[in-house]
Amino acid sequence: MIFDVRNEEGVSEHIAWQIGVVEADSIVVKTGVSWRLESSGDHEIRIFVISDLQNPKMLSAIASHNVFVG
């Protein structure tokens, strides 16, 4: 699972990943990461699943959430 936090210019400020196994019939997967903000303003958090880091293949659509940090 990849976590990509982008600032209001669309530049990635933080990228993190977690390795694990997601069952094919899973509806909800609980996970989390933390990051230190480099700037205030609007941020987009993008989350998606890939097969592995050596030869990545997309296994999910990109889930996107917008947050404002003051």
PDB file of N, CA and C in Angstrom:
ATOM      1  N   MET A   1       0.856  -1.159   0.000  1.00  0.00           N
ATOM      2  CA  MET A   1       0.000   0.000   0.000  1.00  0.00           C
ATOM      3  C   MET A   1       0.907   1.228   0.000  1.00  0.00           C
ATOM      4  N   ILE A   2       0.620   2.164  -0.902  1.00  0.00           N
ATOM      5  CA  ILE A   2       1.404   3.391  -1.025  1.00  0.00           C
ATOM      6  C   ILE A   2       0.564   4.565  -0.548  1.00  0.00           C
ATOM      7  N   PHE A   3       1.183   5.449   0.237  1.00  0.00           N
ATOM      8  CA  PHE A   3       0.573   6.683   0.704  1.00  0.00           C
ATOM      9  C   PHE A   3       1.357   7.840   0.093  1.00  0.00           C
ATOM     10  N   ASP A   4       0.682   8.715  -0.631  1.00  0.00           N
ATOM     11  CA  ASP A   4       1.319   9.848  -1.300  1.00  0.00           C
ATOM     12  C   ASP A   4       0.609  11.117  -0.861  1.00  0.00           C
ATOM     13  N   VAL A   5       1.330  12.024  -0.182  1.00  0.00           N
ATOM     14  CA  VAL A   5       0.753  13.286   0.278  1.00  0.00           C
ATOM     15  C   VAL A   5       1.290  14.395  -0.610  1.00  0.00           C
ATOM     16  N   ARG A   6       0.370  15.092  -1.289  1.00  0.00           N
ATOM     17  CA  ARG A   6       0.750  16.146  -2.236  1.00  0.00           C
ATOM     18  C   ARG A   6       0.273  17.502  -1.737  1.00  0.00           C
ATOM     19  N   ASN A   7       1.104  18.530  -1.973  1.00  0.00           N
ATOM     20  CA  ASN A   7       0.725  19.885  -1.589  1.00  0.00           C
ATOM     21  C   ASN A   7      -0.198  20.485  -2.644  1.00  0.00           C
ATOM     22  N   GLU A   8      -0.587  21.758  -2.456  1.00  0.00           N
ATOM     23  CA  GLU A   8      -1.568  22.360  -3.361  1.00  0.00           C
ATOM     24  C   GLU A   8      -1.040  22.586  -4.770  1.00  0.00           C
ATOM     25  N   GLU A   9       0.273  22.477  -4.981  1.00  0.00           N
ATOM     26  CA  GLU A   9       0.831  22.546  -6.334  1.00  0.00           C
ATOM     27  C   GLU A   9       0.916  21.164  -6.975  1.00  0.00           C
ATOM     28  N   GLY A  10       0.501  20.127  -6.260  1.00  0.00           N
ATOM     29  CA  GLY A  10       0.543  18.772  -6.792  1.00  0.00           C
ATOM     30  C   GLY A  10       1.878  18.084  -6.619  1.00  0.00           C
ATOM     31  N   VAL A  11       2.774  18.665  -5.814  1.00  0.00           N
ATOM     32  CA  VAL A  11       4.097  18.096  -5.565  1.00  0.00           C
ATOM     33  C   VAL A  11       4.023  17.150  -4.368  1.00  0.00           C
ATOM     34  N   SER A  12       4.552  15.948  -4.524  1.00  0.00           N
ATOM     35  CA  SER A  12       4.569  14.985  -3.418  1.00  0.00           C
ATOM     36  C   SER A  12       5.506  15.475  -2.324  1.00  0.00           C
ATOM     37  N   GLU A  13       4.974  15.649  -1.114  1.00  0.00           N
ATOM     38  CA  GLU A  13       5.777  16.051   0.040  1.00  0.00           C
ATOM     39  C   GLU A  13       6.165  14.857   0.891  1.00  0.00           C
ATOM     40  N   HIS A  14       5.424  13.771   0.753  1.00  0.00           N
ATOM     41  CA  HIS A  14       5.716  12.583   1.564  1.00  0.00           C
ATOM     42  C   HIS A  14       5.186  11.346   0.849  1.00  0.00           C
ATOM     43  N   ILE A  15       6.005  10.337   0.764  1.00  0.00           N
ATOM     44  CA  ILE A  15       5.593   9.041   0.222  1.00  0.00           C
ATOM     45  C   ILE A  15       5.999   7.977   1.228  1.00  0.00           C
ATOM     46  N   ALA A  16       5.054   7.109   1.570  1.00  0.00           N
ATOM     47  CA  ALA A  16       5.325   6.018   2.510  1.00  0.00           C
ATOM     48  C   ALA A  16       4.658   4.758   1.986  1.00  0.00           C
ATOM     49  N   TRP A  17       5.102   3.619   2.482  1.00  0.00           N
ATOM     50  CA  TRP A  17       4.478   2.370   2.079  1.00  0.00           C
ATOM     51  C   TRP A  17       4.425   1.423   3.253  1.00  0.00           C
ATOM     52  N   GLN A  18       3.484   0.512   3.171  1.00  0.00           N
ATOM     53  CA  GLN A  18       3.369  -0.564   4.150  1.00  0.00           C
ATOM     54  C   GLN A  18       3.253  -1.869   3.385  1.00  0.00           C
ATOM     55  N   ILE A  19       3.957  -2.865   3.867  1.00  0.00           N
ATOM     56  CA  ILE A  19       3.948  -4.171   3.218  1.00  0.00           C
ATOM     57  C   ILE A  19       3.034  -5.096   4.003  1.00  0.00           C
ATOM     58  N   GLY A  20       2.226  -5.841   3.289  1.00  0.00           N
ATOM     59  CA  GLY A  20       1.319  -6.769   3.948  1.00  0.00           C
ATOM     60  C   GLY A  20       0.541  -7.560   2.927  1.00  0.00           C
ATOM     61  N   VAL A  21      -0.415  -8.316   3.415  1.00  0.00           N
ATOM     62  CA  VAL A  21      -1.265  -9.129   2.559  1.00  0.00           C
ATOM     63  C   VAL A  21      -2.703  -8.653   2.736  1.00  0.00           C
ATOM     64  N   VAL A  22      -3.371  -8.406   1.626  1.00  0.00           N
ATOM     65  CA  VAL A  22      -4.776  -8.015   1.641  1.00  0.00           C
ATOM     66  C   VAL A  22      -5.557  -9.140   0.995  1.00  0.00           C
ATOM     67  N   GLU A  23      -6.524  -9.673   1.712  1.00  0.00           N
ATOM     68  CA  GLU A  23      -7.344 -10.752   1.171  1.00  0.00           C
ATOM     69  C   GLU A  23      -8.211 -10.229   0.033  1.00  0.00           C
ATOM     70  N   ALA A  24      -8.465 -11.063  -0.956  1.00  0.00           N
ATOM     71  CA  ALA A  24      -9.203 -10.661  -2.150  1.00  0.00           C
ATOM     72  C   ALA A  24     -10.610 -10.174  -1.843  1.00  0.00           C
ATOM     73  N   ASP A  25     -11.254 -10.708  -0.817  1.00  0.00           N
ATOM     74  CA  ASP A  25     -12.621 -10.306  -0.507  1.00  0.00           C
ATOM     75  C   ASP A  25     -12.710  -9.237   0.587  1.00  0.00           C
ATOM     76  N   SER A  26     -11.586  -8.600   0.914  1.00  0.00           N
ATOM     77  CA  SER A  26     -11.572  -7.563   1.953  1.00  0.00           C
ATOM     78  C   SER A  26     -12.311  -6.322   1.472  1.00  0.00           C
ATOM     79  N   ILE A  27     -13.152  -5.785   2.356  1.00  0.00           N
ATOM     80  CA  ILE A  27     -13.868  -4.551   2.050  1.00  0.00           C
ATOM     81  C   ILE A  27     -13.159  -3.368   2.703  1.00  0.00           C
ATOM     82  N   VAL A  28     -12.692  -3.544   3.928  1.00  0.00           N
ATOM     83  CA  VAL A  28     -12.014  -2.485   4.668  1.00  0.00           C
ATOM     84  C   VAL A  28     -10.668  -3.006   5.145  1.00  0.00           C
ATOM     85  N   VAL A  29      -9.641  -2.193   4.937  1.00  0.00           N
ATOM     86  CA  VAL A  29      -8.303  -2.509   5.433  1.00  0.00           C
ATOM     87  C   VAL A  29      -7.887  -1.358   6.333  1.00  0.00           C
ATOM     88  N   LYS A  30      -7.604  -1.650   7.595  1.00  0.00           N
ATOM     89  CA  LYS A  30      -7.191  -0.610   8.531  1.00  0.00           C
ATOM     90  C   LYS A  30      -5.672  -0.513   8.534  1.00  0.00           C
ATOM     91  N   THR A  31      -5.192   0.684   8.296  1.00  0.00           N
ATOM     92  CA  THR A  31      -3.757   0.944   8.293  1.00  0.00           C
ATOM     93  C   THR A  31      -3.546   2.430   8.544  1.00  0.00           C
ATOM     94  N   GLY A  32      -2.331   2.852   8.714  1.00  0.00           N
ATOM     95  CA  GLY A  32      -2.073   4.272   8.932  1.00  0.00           C
ATOM     96  C   GLY A  32      -0.603   4.598   8.888  1.00  0.00           C
ATOM     97  N   VAL A  33      -0.329   5.838   8.553  1.00  0.00           N
ATOM     98  CA  VAL A  33       1.036   6.358   8.562  1.00  0.00           C
ATOM     99  C   VAL A  33       0.984   7.769   9.126  1.00  0.00           C
ATOM    100  N   SER A  34       2.115   8.281   9.511  1.00  0.00           N
ATOM    101  CA  SER A  34       2.190   9.674   9.940  1.00  0.00           C
ATOM    102  C   SER A  34       3.247  10.380   9.107  1.00  0.00           C
ATOM    103  N   TRP A  35       3.115  11.692   9.002  1.00  0.00           N
ATOM    104  CA  TRP A  35       4.109  12.460   8.274  1.00  0.00           C
ATOM    105  C   TRP A  35       4.227  13.832   8.893  1.00  0.00           C
ATOM    106  N   ARG A  36       5.357  14.479   8.632  1.00  0.00           N
ATOM    107  CA  ARG A  36       5.601  15.824   9.132  1.00  0.00           C
ATOM    108  C   ARG A  36       5.363  16.793   7.973  1.00  0.00           C
ATOM    109  N   LEU A  37       4.472  17.742   8.184  1.00  0.00           N
ATOM    110  CA  LEU A  37       4.123  18.677   7.123  1.00  0.00           C
ATOM    111  C   LEU A  37       5.274  19.607   6.777  1.00  0.00           C
ATOM    112  N   GLU A  38       5.452  19.832   5.492  1.00  0.00           N
ATOM    113  CA  GLU A  38       6.454  20.791   5.038  1.00  0.00           C
ATOM    114  C   GLU A  38       5.826  22.145   4.753  1.00  0.00           C
ATOM    115  N   SER A  39       4.492  22.181   4.555  1.00  0.00           N
ATOM    116  CA  SER A  39       3.813  23.440   4.268  1.00  0.00           C
ATOM    117  C   SER A  39       2.358  23.357   4.712  1.00  0.00           C
ATOM    118  N   SER A  40       1.778  24.521   4.999  1.00  0.00           N
ATOM    119  CA  SER A  40       0.350  24.566   5.312  1.00  0.00           C
ATOM    120  C   SER A  40      -0.417  24.716   4.005  1.00  0.00           C
ATOM    121  N   GLY A  41      -1.745  24.585   4.079  1.00  0.00           N
ATOM    122  CA  GLY A  41      -2.571  24.732   2.887  1.00  0.00           C
ATOM    123  C   GLY A  41      -3.307  23.452   2.569  1.00  0.00           C
ATOM    124  N   ASP A  42      -3.802  23.390   1.337  1.00  0.00           N
ATOM    125  CA  ASP A  42      -4.534  22.217   0.881  1.00  0.00           C
ATOM    126  C   ASP A  42      -3.569  21.084   0.547  1.00  0.00           C
ATOM    127  N   HIS A  43      -3.928  19.879   0.943  1.00  0.00           N
ATOM    128  CA  HIS A  43      -3.129  18.690   0.644  1.00  0.00           C
ATOM    129  C   HIS A  43      -4.053  17.591   0.131  1.00  0.00           C
ATOM    130  N   GLU A  44      -3.536  16.777  -0.750  1.00  0.00           N
ATOM    131  CA  GLU A  44      -4.268  15.618  -1.249  1.00  0.00           C
ATOM    132  C   GLU A  44      -3.538  14.373  -0.768  1.00  0.00           C
ATOM    133  N   ILE A  45      -4.271  13.479  -0.128  1.00  0.00           N
ATOM    134  CA  ILE A  45      -3.711  12.209   0.308  1.00  0.00           C
ATOM    135  C   ILE A  45      -4.203  11.148  -0.662  1.00  0.00           C
ATOM    136  N   ARG A  46      -3.260  10.487  -1.326  1.00  0.00           N
ATOM    137  CA  ARG A  46      -3.590   9.453  -2.308  1.00  0.00           C
ATOM    138  C   ARG A  46      -3.106   8.106  -1.785  1.00  0.00           C
ATOM    139  N   ILE A  47      -3.962   7.106  -1.855  1.00  0.00           N
ATOM    140  CA  ILE A  47      -3.647   5.774  -1.341  1.00  0.00           C
ATOM    141  C   ILE A  47      -3.975   4.761  -2.421  1.00  0.00           C
ATOM    142  N   PHE A  48      -3.038   3.851  -2.670  1.00  0.00           N
ATOM    143  CA  PHE A  48      -3.294   2.797  -3.651  1.00  0.00           C
ATOM    144  C   PHE A  48      -2.453   1.576  -3.326  1.00  0.00           C
ATOM    145  N   VAL A  49      -2.808   0.448  -3.923  1.00  0.00           N
ATOM    146  CA  VAL A  49      -2.129  -0.823  -3.657  1.00  0.00           C
ATOM    147  C   VAL A  49      -1.384  -1.260  -4.915  1.00  0.00           C
ATOM    148  N   ILE A  50      -0.136  -1.662  -4.719  1.00  0.00           N
ATOM    149  CA  ILE A  50       0.664  -2.216  -5.815  1.00  0.00           C
ATOM    150  C   ILE A  50       1.109  -3.628  -5.438  1.00  0.00           C
ATOM    151  N   SER A  51       1.583  -4.366  -6.436  1.00  0.00           N
ATOM    152  CA  SER A  51       1.975  -5.759  -6.203  1.00  0.00           C
ATOM    153  C   SER A  51       3.247  -5.870  -5.366  1.00  0.00           C
ATOM    154  N   ASP A  52       4.271  -5.102  -5.701  1.00  0.00           N
ATOM    155  CA  ASP A  52       5.533  -5.096  -4.953  1.00  0.00           C
ATOM    156  C   ASP A  52       6.353  -3.891  -5.381  1.00  0.00           C
ATOM    157  N   LEU A  53       7.500  -3.678  -4.733  1.00  0.00           N
ATOM    158  CA  LEU A  53       8.325  -2.506  -5.037  1.00  0.00           C
ATOM    159  C   LEU A  53       9.329  -2.760  -6.166  1.00  0.00           C
ATOM    160  N   GLN A  54       9.686  -4.012  -6.428  1.00  0.00           N
ATOM    161  CA  GLN A  54      10.657  -4.316  -7.482  1.00  0.00           C
ATOM    162  C   GLN A  54      10.036  -4.240  -8.875  1.00  0.00           C
ATOM    163  N   ASN A  55       8.844  -4.773  -9.029  1.00  0.00           N
ATOM    164  CA  ASN A  55       8.158  -4.809 -10.322  1.00  0.00           C
ATOM    165  C   ASN A  55       6.685  -4.440 -10.086  1.00  0.00           C
ATOM    166  N   PRO A  56       6.428  -3.157  -9.751  1.00  0.00           N
ATOM    167  CA  PRO A  56       5.087  -2.781  -9.305  1.00  0.00           C
ATOM    168  C   PRO A  56       4.029  -2.847 -10.398  1.00  0.00           C
ATOM    169  N   LYS A  57       2.885  -3.400 -10.010  1.00  0.00           N
ATOM    170  CA  LYS A  57       1.691  -3.415 -10.847  1.00  0.00           C
ATOM    171  C   LYS A  57       0.547  -2.895  -9.984  1.00  0.00           C
ATOM    172  N   MET A  58      -0.267  -2.011 -10.553  1.00  0.00           N
ATOM    173  CA  MET A  58      -1.406  -1.463  -9.807  1.00  0.00           C
ATOM    174  C   MET A  58      -2.412  -2.562  -9.517  1.00  0.00           C
ATOM    175  N   LEU A  59      -2.808  -2.696  -8.248  1.00  0.00           N
ATOM    176  CA  LEU A  59      -3.802  -3.679  -7.839  1.00  0.00           C
ATOM    177  C   LEU A  59      -5.093  -3.029  -7.373  1.00  0.00           C
ATOM    178  N   SER A  60      -5.120  -1.698  -7.329  1.00  0.00           N
ATOM    179  CA  SER A  60      -6.331  -0.996  -6.893  1.00  0.00           C
ATOM    180  C   SER A  60      -6.425   0.341  -7.615  1.00  0.00           C
ATOM    181  N   ALA A  61      -7.604   0.912  -7.538  1.00  0.00           N
ATOM    182  CA  ALA A  61      -7.770   2.294  -7.985  1.00  0.00           C
ATOM    183  C   ALA A  61      -7.143   3.216  -6.941  1.00  0.00           C
ATOM    184  N   ILE A  62      -6.886   4.462  -7.306  1.00  0.00           N
ATOM    185  CA  ILE A  62      -6.334   5.431  -6.370  1.00  0.00           C
ATOM    186  C   ILE A  62      -7.480   6.048  -5.576  1.00  0.00           C
ATOM    187  N   ALA A  63      -7.398   5.930  -4.244  1.00  0.00           N
ATOM    188  CA  ALA A  63      -8.345   6.608  -3.348  1.00  0.00           C
ATOM    189  C   ALA A  63      -7.726   7.936  -2.966  1.00  0.00           C
ATOM    190  N   SER A  64      -8.509   8.998  -3.049  1.00  0.00           N
ATOM    191  CA  SER A  64      -7.986  10.345  -2.826  1.00  0.00           C
ATOM    192  C   SER A  64      -8.837  11.077  -1.804  1.00  0.00           C
ATOM    193  N   HIS A  65      -8.177  11.780  -0.874  1.00  0.00           N
ATOM    194  CA  HIS A  65      -8.856  12.577   0.140  1.00  0.00           C
ATOM    195  C   HIS A  65      -8.158  13.929   0.239  1.00  0.00           C
ATOM    196  N   ASN A  66      -8.928  14.993   0.293  1.00  0.00           N
ATOM    197  CA  ASN A  66      -8.362  16.330   0.429  1.00  0.00           C
ATOM    198  C   ASN A  66      -8.472  16.797   1.865  1.00  0.00           C
ATOM    199  N   VAL A  67      -7.412  17.428   2.371  1.00  0.00           N
ATOM    200  CA  VAL A  67      -7.398  17.984   3.728  1.00  0.00           C
ATOM    201  C   VAL A  67      -6.788  19.379   3.674  1.00  0.00           C
ATOM    202  N   PHE A  68      -7.211  20.232   4.587  1.00  0.00           N
ATOM    203  CA  PHE A  68      -6.613  21.557   4.717  1.00  0.00           C
ATOM    204  C   PHE A  68      -5.861  21.614   6.037  1.00  0.00           C
ATOM    205  N   VAL A  69      -4.635  22.087   5.981  1.00  0.00           N
ATOM    206  CA  VAL A  69      -3.806  22.229   7.174  1.00  0.00           C
ATOM    207  C   VAL A  69      -3.501  23.714   7.334  1.00  0.00           C
ATOM    208  N   GLY A  70      -3.904  24.280   8.477  1.00  0.00           N
ATOM    209  CA  GLY A  70      -3.741  25.718   8.694  1.00  0.00           C
ATOM    210  C   GLY A  70      -2.488  26.074   9.420  1.00  0.00           C
TER     211      GLY A  70
END
